[in-house]
Protein backbone atom coordinates (compact mmCIF):
# COMPACT_ATOMS: atom_id res chain seq x y z
CA UNK A 1 127.59 22.24 15.63
CA UNK A 2 130.47 21.50 13.66
CA UNK A 3 131.62 19.15 15.68
CA UNK A 4 128.14 17.17 15.61
CA UNK A 5 128.55 17.06 11.74
CA UNK A 6 131.71 15.28 11.69
CA UNK A 7 130.38 12.80 14.43
CA UNK A 8 127.65 12.07 12.15
CA UNK A 9 130.13 11.74 9.01
CA UNK A 10 132.04 9.19 11.25
CA UNK A 11 129.15 7.00 11.63
CA UNK A 12 127.96 7.12 7.80
CA UNK A 13 131.42 5.72 6.98
CA UNK A 14 131.56 2.46 9.81
CA UNK A 15 128.21 1.75 8.33
CA UNK A 16 129.18 1.58 4.48
CA UNK A 17 132.30 -0.58 5.72
CA UNK A 18 130.12 -2.90 7.65
CA UNK A 19 127.77 -3.84 4.18
CA UNK A 20 130.47 -4.71 2.44
CA UNK A 21 131.84 -6.87 4.39
CA UNK A 22 128.38 -8.54 4.54
CA UNK A 23 128.15 -8.92 1.10
CA UNK A 24 131.70 -10.51 0.55
CA UNK A 25 130.71 -13.43 3.44
CA UNK A 26 127.48 -13.93 2.05
CA UNK A 27 129.15 -15.41 -1.48
CA UNK A 28 128.89 -19.16 -2.22
CA UNK A 29 131.92 -20.50 -3.92
CA UNK A 30 131.13 -21.69 -7.54
CA UNK A 31 131.25 -25.62 -8.53
CA UNK A 32 133.13 -27.01 -11.30
CA UNK A 33 132.05 -30.01 -13.25
CA UNK A 34 134.28 -31.15 -15.56
CA UNK A 35 132.40 -33.69 -17.36
CA UNK A 36 132.21 -37.18 -17.98
CA UNK A 37 135.18 -39.31 -17.90
CA UNK A 38 136.29 -40.34 -21.79
CA UNK A 39 137.88 -43.26 -23.48
CA UNK A 40 138.61 -42.54 -27.05
CA UNK A 41 141.54 -43.41 -29.52
CA UNK A 42 144.22 -41.25 -29.38
CA UNK A 43 143.96 -39.86 -32.86
CA UNK A 44 140.56 -38.23 -32.53
CA UNK A 45 140.26 -35.13 -30.92
CA UNK A 46 138.74 -34.90 -26.72
CA UNK A 47 135.45 -32.63 -26.38
CA UNK A 48 135.64 -31.11 -22.76
CA UNK A 49 132.16 -29.51 -21.55
CA UNK A 50 132.63 -27.54 -18.33
CA UNK A 51 129.01 -25.92 -18.58
CA UNK A 52 127.57 -28.80 -16.22
CA UNK A 53 129.34 -26.21 -13.30
CA UNK A 54 127.24 -23.75 -11.36
CA UNK A 55 127.30 -20.91 -8.97
CA UNK A 56 124.49 -21.09 -6.45
CA UNK A 57 124.73 -16.94 -6.29
CA UNK A 58 123.85 -17.26 -10.03
CA UNK A 59 127.16 -15.21 -10.72
CA UNK A 60 128.65 -15.18 -14.11
CA UNK A 61 131.40 -18.07 -14.30
CA UNK A 62 134.90 -18.12 -16.15
CA UNK A 63 136.40 -21.16 -16.59
CA UNK A 64 140.04 -22.32 -16.17
CA UNK A 65 141.02 -25.65 -17.69
CA UNK A 66 144.74 -27.07 -17.53
CA UNK A 67 146.49 -30.59 -17.41
CA UNK A 68 147.22 -32.89 -14.19
CA UNK A 69 148.87 -35.06 -15.41
CA UNK A 70 149.64 -36.79 -18.87
CA UNK A 71 151.14 -40.35 -19.99
CA UNK A 72 155.10 -40.74 -20.29
CA UNK A 73 156.29 -39.38 -23.86
CA UNK A 74 153.12 -36.45 -24.16
CA UNK A 75 154.49 -32.81 -24.78
CA UNK A 76 150.84 -31.25 -24.64
CA UNK A 77 151.62 -29.17 -21.03
CA UNK A 78 154.59 -28.07 -22.88
CA UNK A 79 152.51 -26.51 -25.47
CA UNK A 80 151.72 -22.59 -25.50
CA UNK A 81 147.98 -23.23 -26.57
CA UNK A 82 147.21 -26.71 -26.08
CA UNK A 83 143.61 -26.17 -26.13
CA UNK A 84 142.44 -26.11 -29.81
CA UNK A 85 138.72 -24.90 -30.05
CA UNK A 86 138.40 -20.75 -29.18
CA UNK A 87 142.33 -20.97 -28.58
CA UNK A 88 141.63 -20.47 -25.05
CA UNK A 89 142.09 -22.88 -22.32
CA UNK A 90 139.46 -20.68 -20.20
CA UNK A 91 136.09 -21.22 -22.36
CA UNK A 92 133.18 -23.41 -20.91
CA UNK A 93 133.85 -26.26 -23.63
CA UNK A 94 137.16 -27.03 -25.81
CA UNK A 95 139.06 -29.21 -27.63
CA UNK A 96 142.56 -30.89 -27.32
CA UNK A 97 144.06 -33.77 -29.30
CA UNK A 98 145.84 -36.42 -27.23
CA UNK A 99 149.43 -36.63 -28.55
CA UNK A 100 150.75 -40.02 -27.13
CA UNK A 101 148.66 -43.26 -25.74
CA UNK A 102 147.87 -43.45 -21.78
CA UNK A 103 145.94 -41.53 -19.58
CA UNK A 104 145.74 -37.60 -19.34
CA UNK A 105 143.64 -36.48 -16.73
CA UNK A 106 142.60 -32.92 -16.92
CA UNK A 107 141.01 -30.08 -14.51
CA UNK A 108 138.61 -27.90 -14.19
CA UNK A 109 138.41 -24.59 -11.85
CA UNK A 110 135.69 -21.98 -12.23
CA UNK A 111 135.63 -18.21 -10.40
CA UNK A 112 132.46 -16.32 -9.86
CA UNK A 113 134.06 -12.81 -9.52
CA UNK A 114 134.70 -13.08 -6.00
CA UNK A 115 135.71 -16.38 -5.38
CA UNK A 116 137.15 -20.01 -7.24
CA UNK A 117 136.34 -23.32 -7.59
CA UNK A 118 137.43 -26.59 -6.14
CA UNK A 119 139.21 -28.05 -9.04
CA UNK A 120 136.89 -31.04 -10.66
CA UNK A 121 138.67 -33.65 -13.03
CA UNK A 122 137.97 -35.40 -16.17
CA UNK A 123 140.14 -38.76 -16.95
CA UNK A 124 140.99 -38.94 -20.88
CA UNK A 125 141.94 -42.54 -21.55
CA UNK A 126 143.63 -42.56 -24.97
CA UNK A 127 144.07 -46.03 -26.71
CA UNK A 128 145.65 -46.87 -29.53
CA UNK A 129 144.38 -45.47 -33.00
CA UNK A 130 142.36 -48.41 -34.95
CA UNK A 131 143.93 -46.56 -37.92
CA UNK A 132 147.67 -47.23 -38.41
CA UNK A 133 150.15 -44.84 -40.35
CA UNK A 134 150.90 -46.42 -43.89
CA UNK A 135 153.98 -47.08 -44.92
CA UNK A 136 155.41 -47.04 -48.57
CA UNK A 137 158.61 -48.41 -48.77
CA UNK A 138 158.61 -47.52 -52.85
CA UNK A 139 159.21 -48.89 -56.02
CA UNK A 140 161.14 -52.07 -56.42
CA UNK A 141 164.83 -51.31 -58.37
CA UNK A 142 167.36 -53.11 -60.57
CA UNK A 143 170.86 -51.41 -60.52
CA UNK A 144 174.26 -52.35 -60.97
CA UNK A 145 176.79 -53.92 -58.28
CA UNK A 146 179.02 -50.64 -57.64
CA UNK A 147 175.97 -48.19 -57.65
CA UNK A 148 174.86 -46.17 -54.84
CA UNK A 149 170.63 -46.82 -54.44
CA UNK A 150 168.42 -44.20 -52.61
CA UNK A 151 165.46 -45.52 -51.26
CA UNK A 152 162.31 -43.40 -50.85
CA UNK A 153 159.97 -43.67 -48.31
CA UNK A 154 158.49 -40.05 -48.99
CA UNK A 155 154.82 -41.88 -50.26
CA UNK A 156 154.15 -42.89 -46.54
CA UNK A 157 151.57 -41.04 -44.82
CA UNK A 158 149.29 -40.62 -41.98
CA UNK A 159 145.47 -40.30 -42.32
CA UNK A 160 145.31 -37.37 -39.45
CA UNK A 161 148.25 -35.71 -41.10
CA UNK A 162 150.80 -36.66 -37.97
CA UNK A 163 154.40 -36.19 -38.96
CA UNK A 164 156.37 -39.72 -39.34
CA UNK A 165 159.39 -41.33 -37.76
CA UNK A 166 161.23 -43.94 -40.56
CA UNK A 167 162.55 -46.78 -39.56
CA UNK A 168 164.48 -49.07 -42.17
CA UNK A 169 165.58 -52.61 -41.63
CA UNK A 170 167.34 -55.18 -43.59
CA UNK A 171 165.35 -58.19 -44.13
CA UNK A 172 167.82 -60.26 -46.32
CA UNK A 173 171.23 -59.64 -48.41
CA UNK A 174 172.72 -61.97 -51.11
CA UNK A 175 175.27 -64.06 -49.81
CA UNK A 176 178.48 -62.00 -51.00
CA UNK A 177 177.06 -59.30 -49.43
CA UNK A 178 178.18 -57.97 -45.99
CA UNK A 179 175.60 -55.09 -46.26
CA UNK A 180 173.73 -54.29 -42.65
CA UNK A 181 171.24 -51.59 -41.71
CA UNK A 182 174.78 -49.83 -39.96
CA UNK A 183 175.64 -49.36 -43.59
CA UNK A 184 172.72 -47.77 -44.48
CA UNK A 185 172.75 -43.62 -44.62
CA UNK A 186 170.08 -42.31 -43.15
CA UNK A 187 168.37 -45.72 -41.75
CA UNK A 188 165.85 -42.82 -39.94
CA UNK A 189 164.87 -40.72 -42.69
CA UNK A 190 162.62 -41.27 -45.78
CA UNK A 191 165.71 -41.57 -48.28
CA UNK A 192 168.29 -43.75 -47.00
CA UNK A 193 171.36 -44.82 -49.02
CA UNK A 194 174.04 -47.50 -49.80
CA UNK A 195 176.64 -48.86 -51.98
CA UNK A 196 175.53 -51.91 -53.58
CA UNK A 197 178.69 -54.62 -52.62
CA UNK A 198 177.44 -57.87 -53.92
CA UNK A 199 175.41 -59.05 -56.73
CA UNK A 200 172.14 -60.52 -56.19
CA UNK A 201 168.73 -60.01 -54.34
CA UNK A 202 168.56 -57.29 -51.37
CA UNK A 203 165.17 -56.74 -49.49
CA UNK A 204 164.65 -54.05 -46.76
CA UNK A 205 161.27 -53.27 -45.07
CA UNK A 206 160.30 -49.74 -43.66
CA UNK A 207 157.82 -49.23 -40.99
CA UNK A 208 156.75 -45.30 -39.80
CA UNK A 209 155.13 -44.21 -36.50
CA UNK A 210 153.53 -41.10 -36.12
CA UNK A 211 153.66 -41.22 -32.69
CA UNK A 212 150.87 -43.11 -31.46
CA UNK A 213 151.39 -45.97 -33.59
CA UNK A 214 153.20 -47.79 -35.86
CA UNK A 215 152.46 -49.12 -39.50
CA UNK A 216 152.66 -52.17 -40.93
CA UNK A 217 156.29 -52.83 -42.80
CA UNK A 218 156.61 -52.10 -45.85
CA UNK A 219 158.86 -53.75 -48.30
CA UNK A 220 161.34 -52.54 -51.07
CA UNK A 221 163.24 -55.22 -53.19
CA UNK A 222 166.39 -54.48 -55.07
CA UNK A 223 167.86 -56.61 -57.47
CA UNK A 224 171.69 -56.34 -58.55
CA UNK A 225 173.54 -57.38 -61.35
CA UNK A 226 177.33 -57.50 -62.42
CA UNK A 227 178.70 -57.69 -65.54
CA UNK A 228 179.92 -61.23 -65.45
CA UNK A 229 176.89 -62.13 -67.41
CA UNK A 230 174.95 -64.33 -65.08
CA UNK A 231 171.74 -63.63 -64.79
CA UNK A 232 170.14 -62.94 -61.08
CA UNK A 233 166.67 -64.48 -59.94
CA UNK A 234 164.41 -62.79 -57.98
CA UNK A 235 161.35 -64.62 -56.67
CA UNK A 236 159.98 -61.29 -54.66
CA UNK A 237 159.03 -60.24 -51.34
CA UNK A 238 157.59 -62.69 -48.86
CA UNK A 239 153.81 -63.35 -48.98
CA UNK A 240 150.97 -63.23 -46.51
CA UNK A 241 147.73 -64.77 -47.33
CA UNK A 242 144.99 -67.05 -46.76
CA UNK A 243 144.18 -70.31 -47.44
CA UNK A 244 142.69 -71.78 -50.17
CA UNK A 245 143.52 -69.24 -52.95
CA UNK A 246 144.96 -68.99 -55.98
CA UNK A 247 148.41 -66.59 -54.94
CA UNK A 248 150.15 -64.73 -57.21
CA UNK A 249 153.74 -64.82 -57.76
CA UNK A 250 155.91 -61.93 -59.34
CA UNK A 251 159.68 -62.97 -60.95
CA UNK A 252 159.22 -59.96 -62.76
CA UNK A 253 162.30 -58.24 -60.80
CA UNK A 254 164.80 -61.07 -61.96
CA UNK A 255 167.42 -59.60 -64.59
CA UNK A 256 170.38 -60.05 -66.61
CA UNK A 257 173.01 -57.84 -67.05
CA UNK A 258 172.98 -58.13 -70.76
CA UNK A 259 169.42 -57.78 -71.34
CA UNK A 260 168.79 -61.48 -72.63
CA UNK A 261 165.47 -62.72 -72.45
CA UNK A 262 165.35 -65.47 -69.08
CA UNK A 263 163.55 -68.61 -68.86
CA UNK A 264 161.73 -69.25 -65.41
CA UNK A 265 161.85 -72.32 -63.23
CA UNK A 266 159.95 -72.43 -59.74
CA UNK A 267 160.20 -75.00 -56.86
CA UNK A 268 158.38 -76.01 -53.49
CA UNK A 269 160.94 -76.58 -51.36
CA UNK A 270 158.88 -76.88 -48.42
CA UNK A 271 155.17 -77.04 -47.06
CA UNK A 272 152.95 -77.64 -43.98
CA UNK A 273 152.58 -81.08 -42.70
CA UNK A 274 148.84 -81.09 -43.85
CA UNK A 275 149.19 -79.99 -47.04
CA UNK A 276 148.94 -82.12 -50.20
CA UNK A 277 150.19 -79.05 -52.68
CA UNK A 278 152.70 -80.35 -55.13
CA UNK A 279 154.77 -78.49 -57.93
CA UNK A 280 151.81 -79.36 -59.89
CA UNK A 281 150.06 -76.56 -57.52
CA UNK A 282 151.55 -73.86 -59.88
CA UNK A 283 149.77 -72.78 -62.94
CA UNK A 284 152.71 -73.23 -65.00
CA UNK A 285 156.21 -73.07 -63.43
CA UNK A 286 158.06 -71.97 -65.92
CA UNK A 287 156.94 -68.71 -66.38
CA UNK A 288 157.60 -65.13 -64.97
CA UNK A 289 154.56 -65.01 -62.63
CA UNK A 290 153.08 -67.94 -62.17
CA UNK A 291 150.20 -68.74 -59.70
CA UNK A 292 149.96 -71.20 -57.04
CA UNK A 293 147.39 -72.92 -54.89
CA UNK A 294 147.65 -72.36 -51.24
CA UNK A 295 145.21 -75.28 -49.63
CA UNK A 296 146.18 -74.66 -46.23
CA UNK A 297 147.49 -72.80 -43.67
CA UNK A 298 150.89 -72.82 -42.67
CA UNK A 299 154.55 -71.90 -43.92
CA UNK A 300 155.55 -72.61 -47.38
CA UNK A 301 158.72 -71.85 -48.91
CA UNK A 302 160.08 -71.59 -52.98
CA UNK A 303 163.02 -71.07 -54.78
CA UNK A 304 163.14 -69.47 -57.88
CA UNK A 305 166.25 -69.77 -60.18
CA UNK A 306 166.82 -67.99 -64.07
CA UNK A 307 168.62 -68.82 -67.10
CA UNK A 308 169.60 -66.39 -70.49
CA UNK A 309 169.73 -69.38 -72.27
CA UNK A 310 173.68 -70.17 -71.37
CA UNK A 311 173.79 -69.61 -67.49
CA UNK A 312 171.61 -70.22 -64.98
CA UNK A 313 171.37 -67.92 -61.62
CA UNK A 314 171.61 -68.59 -57.70
CA UNK A 315 168.15 -69.81 -56.96
CA UNK A 316 166.39 -66.81 -54.61
CA UNK A 317 164.13 -68.51 -51.99
CA UNK A 318 160.39 -66.83 -50.94
CA UNK A 319 158.87 -67.48 -47.53
CA UNK A 320 154.78 -67.55 -48.33
CA UNK A 321 152.82 -67.06 -44.82
CA UNK A 322 148.98 -68.88 -45.36
CA UNK A 323 146.36 -67.64 -42.73
CA UNK A 324 143.65 -69.32 -42.18
CA UNK A 325 140.47 -67.42 -44.11
CA UNK A 326 138.73 -64.59 -42.01
CA UNK A 327 135.53 -65.13 -43.73
CA UNK A 328 133.94 -68.27 -45.63
CA UNK A 329 130.57 -69.64 -46.61
CA UNK A 330 130.10 -73.22 -46.47
CA UNK A 331 128.88 -75.01 -50.00
CA UNK A 332 124.89 -75.36 -50.46
CA UNK A 333 124.07 -79.05 -51.06
CA UNK A 334 120.36 -79.63 -52.50
CA UNK A 335 119.55 -83.03 -53.02
CA UNK A 336 116.42 -83.51 -55.26
CA UNK A 337 113.95 -86.77 -54.59
CA UNK A 338 115.17 -90.01 -56.24
CA UNK A 339 112.55 -91.87 -58.35
CA UNK A 340 111.44 -95.20 -56.62
CA UNK A 341 113.45 -97.87 -58.48
CA UNK A 342 111.23 -101.16 -59.51
CA UNK A 343 112.63 -104.13 -58.20
CA UNK A 344 110.54 -106.66 -59.57
CA UNK A 345 108.76 -109.60 -58.04
CA UNK A 346 109.46 -112.21 -55.59
CA UNK A 347 107.52 -115.61 -54.97
CA UNK A 348 105.64 -115.92 -51.78
CA UNK A 349 104.28 -119.56 -50.48
CA UNK A 350 102.20 -120.40 -47.55
CA UNK A 351 103.68 -121.55 -44.14
CA UNK A 352 100.94 -122.06 -41.68
CA UNK A 353 99.11 -119.05 -41.19
CA UNK A 354 102.23 -116.55 -43.11
CA UNK A 355 103.61 -116.78 -46.05
CA UNK A 356 107.48 -116.86 -47.09
CA UNK A 357 108.75 -114.87 -49.64
CA UNK A 358 112.04 -114.75 -51.77
CA UNK A 359 114.14 -111.70 -52.22
CA UNK A 360 113.70 -109.55 -54.88
CA UNK A 361 117.26 -109.35 -57.22
CA UNK A 362 119.19 -106.62 -56.15
CA UNK A 363 119.19 -103.24 -57.82
CA UNK A 364 122.45 -101.18 -59.09
CA UNK A 365 121.10 -97.32 -58.57
CA UNK A 366 122.67 -94.01 -59.89
CA UNK A 367 122.58 -91.89 -57.28
CA UNK A 368 124.10 -88.30 -57.37
CA UNK A 369 122.61 -87.58 -60.33
CA UNK A 370 119.97 -85.31 -58.73
CA UNK A 371 122.48 -83.26 -56.28
CA UNK A 372 123.00 -79.70 -56.94
CA UNK A 373 126.10 -77.97 -55.01
CA UNK A 374 126.88 -74.43 -54.96
CA UNK A 375 130.14 -72.70 -53.22
CA UNK A 376 129.49 -68.93 -53.29
CA UNK A 377 133.43 -68.61 -52.67
CA UNK A 378 134.24 -70.69 -55.91
CA UNK A 379 136.30 -73.18 -53.48
CA UNK A 380 137.05 -76.39 -54.59
CA UNK A 381 135.40 -79.73 -52.79
CA UNK A 382 135.01 -82.88 -51.85
CA UNK A 383 132.34 -85.44 -51.29
CA UNK A 384 131.65 -88.41 -49.22
CA UNK A 385 128.55 -90.58 -49.56
CA UNK A 386 127.20 -93.35 -46.27
CA UNK A 387 124.52 -95.30 -46.36
CA UNK A 388 123.41 -94.57 -43.21
CA UNK A 389 120.24 -97.53 -43.07
CA UNK A 390 119.19 -100.24 -45.52
CA UNK A 391 121.92 -103.29 -46.79
CA UNK A 392 123.66 -102.29 -49.58
CA UNK A 393 127.15 -100.63 -50.74
CA UNK A 394 127.78 -97.84 -52.56
CA UNK A 395 130.59 -98.26 -55.30
CA UNK A 396 132.88 -95.02 -54.93
CA UNK A 397 131.93 -92.73 -51.73
CA UNK A 398 134.08 -89.92 -52.89
CA UNK A 399 132.13 -89.38 -55.91
CA UNK A 400 129.06 -87.42 -56.61
CA UNK A 401 127.79 -89.38 -59.40
CA UNK A 402 128.18 -92.89 -58.13
CA UNK A 403 125.95 -95.63 -58.04
CA UNK A 404 124.77 -98.14 -55.30
CA UNK A 405 123.42 -101.65 -54.66
CA UNK A 406 120.29 -101.93 -52.91
CA UNK A 407 120.46 -105.12 -51.59
CA UNK A 408 117.87 -107.75 -49.41
CA UNK A 409 114.95 -106.35 -51.18
CA UNK A 410 111.92 -108.11 -49.14
CA UNK A 411 108.30 -108.45 -49.68
CA UNK A 412 105.84 -110.05 -47.38
CA UNK A 413 103.06 -111.72 -48.79
CA UNK A 414 101.67 -112.35 -52.16
CA UNK A 415 100.02 -108.92 -53.91
CA UNK A 416 101.54 -106.77 -51.47
CA UNK A 417 104.95 -104.17 -52.81
CA UNK A 418 106.81 -103.53 -50.11
CA UNK A 419 108.90 -100.25 -49.86
CA UNK A 420 112.51 -101.24 -48.93
CA UNK A 421 113.68 -97.80 -47.51
CA UNK A 422 117.70 -96.86 -47.74
CA UNK A 423 118.78 -93.63 -46.28
CA UNK A 424 121.56 -91.87 -47.65
CA UNK A 425 123.91 -88.99 -46.14
CA UNK A 426 126.31 -86.58 -48.53
CA UNK A 427 128.56 -84.62 -46.45
CA UNK A 428 130.45 -82.22 -48.97
CA UNK A 429 133.47 -80.05 -47.26
CA UNK A 430 135.45 -77.04 -49.20
CA UNK A 431 139.05 -76.62 -49.06
CA UNK A 432 138.75 -74.85 -45.49
CA UNK A 433 137.52 -77.70 -43.93
CA UNK A 434 133.52 -76.33 -43.11
CA UNK A 435 130.77 -79.15 -44.62
CA UNK A 436 127.57 -79.30 -45.34
CA UNK A 437 125.81 -82.45 -44.95
CA UNK A 438 122.08 -83.32 -46.66
CA UNK A 439 120.24 -86.45 -46.56
CA UNK A 440 118.17 -88.69 -48.96
CA UNK A 441 115.90 -91.63 -49.42
CA UNK A 442 115.85 -94.12 -51.76
CA UNK A 443 113.06 -96.85 -52.07
CA UNK A 444 113.38 -99.75 -53.81
CA UNK A 445 109.67 -101.82 -54.55
CA UNK A 446 109.56 -105.43 -53.92
CA UNK A 447 106.44 -106.95 -54.82
CA UNK A 448 105.31 -110.41 -53.72
CA UNK A 449 103.22 -113.37 -56.11
CA UNK A 450 101.85 -116.23 -55.22
CA UNK A 451 104.82 -118.94 -55.99
CA UNK A 452 102.32 -120.85 -58.26
CA UNK A 453 102.09 -117.31 -60.30
CA UNK A 454 105.63 -117.86 -62.12
């Protein structure tokens, strides 16, 4: 009896083990879906979404995000927690922030408790951000030779709050100075310093880097004086502007060691070949901060000299690079109708079955007084008149209001008034070179009379 019981128990245990093995064999591995590939600016967070992953058995899934590849310079794989949402790499959705420009390959695997899926990948292309950090090189300074000057770029910032690295460079120094960037203590910090060794103008640039992209350079100008009583001219930093504009110059950092009042003398040294600018293009070349009319794109150079009433400084130079205006509206031209001109009478005599008529007298007609020109950019403009058809001439084609001589005014028979048509075209060109054309017609009426009527 006891033997039978033992055999029964043995069979029961064996049967139970077979059921467990069958259950494991019937499980289907889940499938990971890491989502669509992403192209994004590198200063934005990347949303990862694995919710399209599935298990055909309906089992609950757990998620495992990781980096398969990162671009050179990225440290995201070294972070203890690179995924910020839920502070977890094991959530169905999470976020990471690119720390370099390039391609990140992110892997997702899912588990259903019994088996793990194959990896699925999402490719994230991190592009150079549209927004750049901003360099602020600090306020311009006036100091004496022998002074240690400390610059201040701590006002530089990044819109996303990323940390910044600093790179200072030397743009210009006085001729007598031996200062170079190698003498700049802390050239890779926000507050570098050096000892001024010569009188004149020092210009330094600052560029900051947020790890993804660099800023535009910002300049600081240091004017150094000495006790030799000679003033120092400072024409300000170089300018980058658009054409067809009044450009503000700044000589306010010029200095005199005795604090004497200064006299200013600006001069145009060179200009683009197609520019018509002269020294008369200054609003007033003898003031501290005049304006200058930049009439065309290209590179201009200027100099500024100052006097304290006894001594003149060495001239300081400044370069202005002028680009073509990015946005411009051409002028609008409206020409109201010109009244018909009465040209008088012409005698007509019979000639067989037809008439031969004299011409009416030529007429001098004012044109342009019915024209309205509007330029929303307030640009200066030039005008050109053209007589498209009809016999005659225009006294001054480049004057808006001028006179036209209407000639060879004819008629065909007595008691008939012929409208002699003259077609005029007016081209108005603003200083950027964009133009608008408008046309009008002038009629000169010549009436025939019998030759005996006079």
